[in-house]
């Protein structure tokens, strides 16, 4: 049997992972070309929020493939070169986060929320996702593990 016929088509997204207790690893995450969650290619937050406890990561220094436990990932950051289109109804929430590794991040959460659920607490308490998407400066996106958030606070300046 042809081994290539068994391969699942993927692409790679360059990213940095911060692993508990604060170690940073640079490399790439594997993304499927299609997903059941939405139209188009799989996004890093899709992978992190899937039920599987491990993700495959190819390290930059040794091109080694490692399987990282998602619960031990504090955050992932990557350059979002193709952000999804922003619907007119999108809510933008300014947010500051203090993480267990001492990092203080500031950015904005940009999501569609129903009118009755447009508070930061509603987004953070959503049990469907373990990682939240925080838009940082210069096109960077942070995917933050909720288990590693010490506190979150709403901020007025949501331009990031």
Protein backbone atom coordinates (compact mmCIF):
# COMPACT_ATOMS: atom_id res chain seq x y z
CA UNK A 1 0.00 0.00 0.00
CA UNK A 2 1.22 3.50 -0.86
CA UNK A 3 2.15 5.28 2.41
CA UNK A 4 1.45 8.71 0.86
CA UNK A 5 -2.19 7.68 0.39
CA UNK A 6 -2.48 7.42 4.20
CA UNK A 7 -1.11 10.90 4.91
CA UNK A 8 -3.47 13.66 5.92
CA UNK A 9 -2.74 16.87 3.98
CA UNK A 10 -1.42 19.56 6.33
CA UNK A 11 0.34 22.87 6.32
CA UNK A 12 2.54 24.38 9.01
CA UNK A 13 2.13 27.62 10.98
CA UNK A 14 5.21 29.18 12.59
CA UNK A 15 4.57 29.75 16.31
CA UNK A 16 6.16 30.14 19.73
CA UNK A 17 4.94 28.02 22.65
CA UNK A 18 5.39 28.96 26.30
CA UNK A 19 5.35 25.75 28.30
CA UNK A 20 4.86 25.58 32.06
CA UNK A 21 7.12 26.57 33.92
CA UNK A 22 7.89 29.34 31.41
CA UNK A 23 10.10 27.71 28.79
CA UNK A 24 9.68 29.14 25.25
CA UNK A 25 9.91 26.77 22.28
CA UNK A 26 9.93 28.02 18.67
CA UNK A 27 8.76 25.96 15.74
CA UNK A 28 5.62 25.09 13.79
CA UNK A 29 2.21 23.64 14.48
CA UNK A 30 0.56 21.35 11.94
CA UNK A 31 -2.81 22.48 10.53
CA UNK A 32 -5.24 20.47 8.40
CA UNK A 33 -6.23 22.00 5.08
CA UNK A 34 -9.91 21.55 5.99
CA UNK A 35 -11.89 21.54 9.22
CA UNK A 36 -15.42 20.73 10.36
CA UNK A 37 -15.54 23.83 12.59
CA UNK A 38 -15.70 26.46 9.83
CA UNK A 39 -15.01 27.11 6.15
CA UNK A 40 -11.37 27.06 5.10
CA UNK A 41 -8.18 25.81 6.67
CA UNK A 42 -7.82 24.81 10.30
CA UNK A 43 -6.52 27.58 12.57
CA UNK A 44 -4.18 27.21 15.58
CA UNK A 45 -7.03 27.84 18.04
CA UNK A 46 -8.97 24.96 16.46
CA UNK A 47 -6.07 22.60 17.26
CA UNK A 48 -5.63 23.87 20.82
CA UNK A 49 -9.35 23.67 21.59
CA UNK A 50 -9.83 20.12 20.23
CA UNK A 51 -10.40 17.38 22.82
CA UNK A 52 -7.14 15.53 22.08
CA UNK A 53 -4.74 16.15 25.00
CA UNK A 54 -1.58 16.52 22.86
CA UNK A 55 -0.58 18.58 19.84
CA UNK A 56 2.20 17.88 17.35
CA UNK A 57 4.87 20.57 17.19
CA UNK A 58 7.98 20.63 15.01
CA UNK A 59 10.79 22.42 16.82
CA UNK A 60 12.81 25.05 15.01
CA UNK A 61 16.21 24.18 16.48
CA UNK A 62 16.31 20.45 15.77
CA UNK A 63 13.36 19.93 13.40
CA UNK A 64 12.25 17.36 15.94
CA UNK A 65 8.57 16.46 16.21
CA UNK A 66 7.32 16.68 19.78
CA UNK A 67 3.94 16.00 21.31
CA UNK A 68 3.11 18.71 23.85
CA UNK A 69 0.42 18.28 26.48
CA UNK A 70 -2.04 21.12 25.88
CA UNK A 71 -2.72 21.56 29.61
CA UNK A 72 0.98 22.44 30.12
CA UNK A 73 0.94 25.08 27.36
CA UNK A 74 0.64 28.53 28.93
CA UNK A 75 0.26 30.33 25.63
CA UNK A 76 1.02 30.21 21.93
CA UNK A 77 1.85 33.27 19.85
CA UNK A 78 1.94 33.54 16.07
CA UNK A 79 1.71 36.11 13.30
CA UNK A 80 -1.79 36.01 11.82
CA UNK A 81 -1.07 36.69 8.16
CA UNK A 82 -4.62 35.90 7.04
CA UNK A 83 -7.02 37.04 9.74
CA UNK A 84 -10.63 35.95 9.26
CA UNK A 85 -13.04 38.53 7.87
CA UNK A 86 -14.53 40.70 10.58
CA UNK A 87 -18.33 40.70 10.62
CA UNK A 88 -20.06 43.99 11.32
CA UNK A 89 -21.57 42.54 14.51
CA UNK A 90 -18.18 41.66 15.95
CA UNK A 91 -17.60 42.80 19.52
CA UNK A 92 -14.17 44.10 20.50
CA UNK A 93 -13.23 43.78 24.17
CA UNK A 94 -10.03 45.35 25.49
CA UNK A 95 -8.36 42.92 27.85
CA UNK A 96 -5.33 42.65 30.14
CA UNK A 97 -4.17 39.26 31.43
CA UNK A 98 -1.69 38.22 34.11
CA UNK A 99 -0.42 34.68 33.52
CA UNK A 100 1.15 32.10 35.82
CA UNK A 101 4.57 32.62 34.20
CA UNK A 102 4.47 36.31 35.19
CA UNK A 103 3.65 37.59 31.69
CA UNK A 104 1.25 40.52 31.51
CA UNK A 105 -0.47 40.65 28.13
CA UNK A 106 -2.71 43.39 26.77
CA UNK A 107 -4.77 43.18 23.63
CA UNK A 108 -8.28 42.75 22.36
CA UNK A 109 -10.74 39.93 22.02
CA UNK A 110 -12.64 40.13 18.73
CA UNK A 111 -15.54 37.72 18.50
CA UNK A 112 -19.20 37.56 17.65
CA UNK A 113 -21.18 37.59 20.86
CA UNK A 114 -24.94 37.50 21.22
CA UNK A 115 -26.19 40.83 22.65
CA UNK A 116 -26.84 39.31 26.09
CA UNK A 117 -23.30 37.79 26.34
CA UNK A 118 -20.94 40.66 25.48
CA UNK A 119 -18.97 40.83 28.71
CA UNK A 120 -15.40 39.69 29.29
CA UNK A 121 -16.63 37.30 31.98
CA UNK A 122 -18.99 35.64 29.48
CA UNK A 123 -16.09 34.98 27.10
CA UNK A 124 -13.73 33.71 29.81
CA UNK A 125 -16.38 31.44 31.31
CA UNK A 126 -17.29 29.77 28.00
CA UNK A 127 -16.68 26.06 28.77
CA UNK A 128 -16.43 25.13 25.07
CA UNK A 129 -12.89 26.49 24.71
CA UNK A 130 -9.78 26.00 26.84
CA UNK A 131 -7.76 28.64 24.98
CA UNK A 132 -8.84 32.21 24.29
CA UNK A 133 -7.70 34.27 21.30
CA UNK A 134 -6.11 37.61 22.19
CA UNK A 135 -5.14 40.03 19.39
CA UNK A 136 -1.82 41.61 20.28
CA UNK A 137 0.09 44.32 18.44
CA UNK A 138 1.48 44.12 14.87
CA UNK A 139 -0.74 41.25 13.71
CA UNK A 140 0.36 38.90 16.48
CA UNK A 141 -2.20 36.60 18.06
CA UNK A 142 -1.90 34.99 21.47
CA UNK A 143 -3.79 31.82 22.30
CA UNK A 144 -3.97 31.80 26.08
CA UNK A 145 -4.69 28.72 28.19
CA UNK A 146 -7.46 29.70 30.63
CA UNK A 147 -5.92 27.44 33.31
CA UNK A 148 -2.86 29.72 33.35
CA UNK A 149 -4.71 33.03 33.73
CA UNK A 150 -4.27 34.44 37.23
CA UNK A 151 -6.54 37.36 36.47
CA UNK A 152 -8.14 39.19 33.58
CA UNK A 153 -9.29 42.77 33.51
CA UNK A 154 -11.25 44.81 31.03
CA UNK A 155 -9.37 47.77 29.54
CA UNK A 156 -10.86 50.69 27.67
CA UNK A 157 -8.34 50.95 24.85
CA UNK A 158 -9.24 48.04 22.57
CA UNK A 159 -7.40 49.33 19.49
CA UNK A 160 -4.77 46.57 19.58
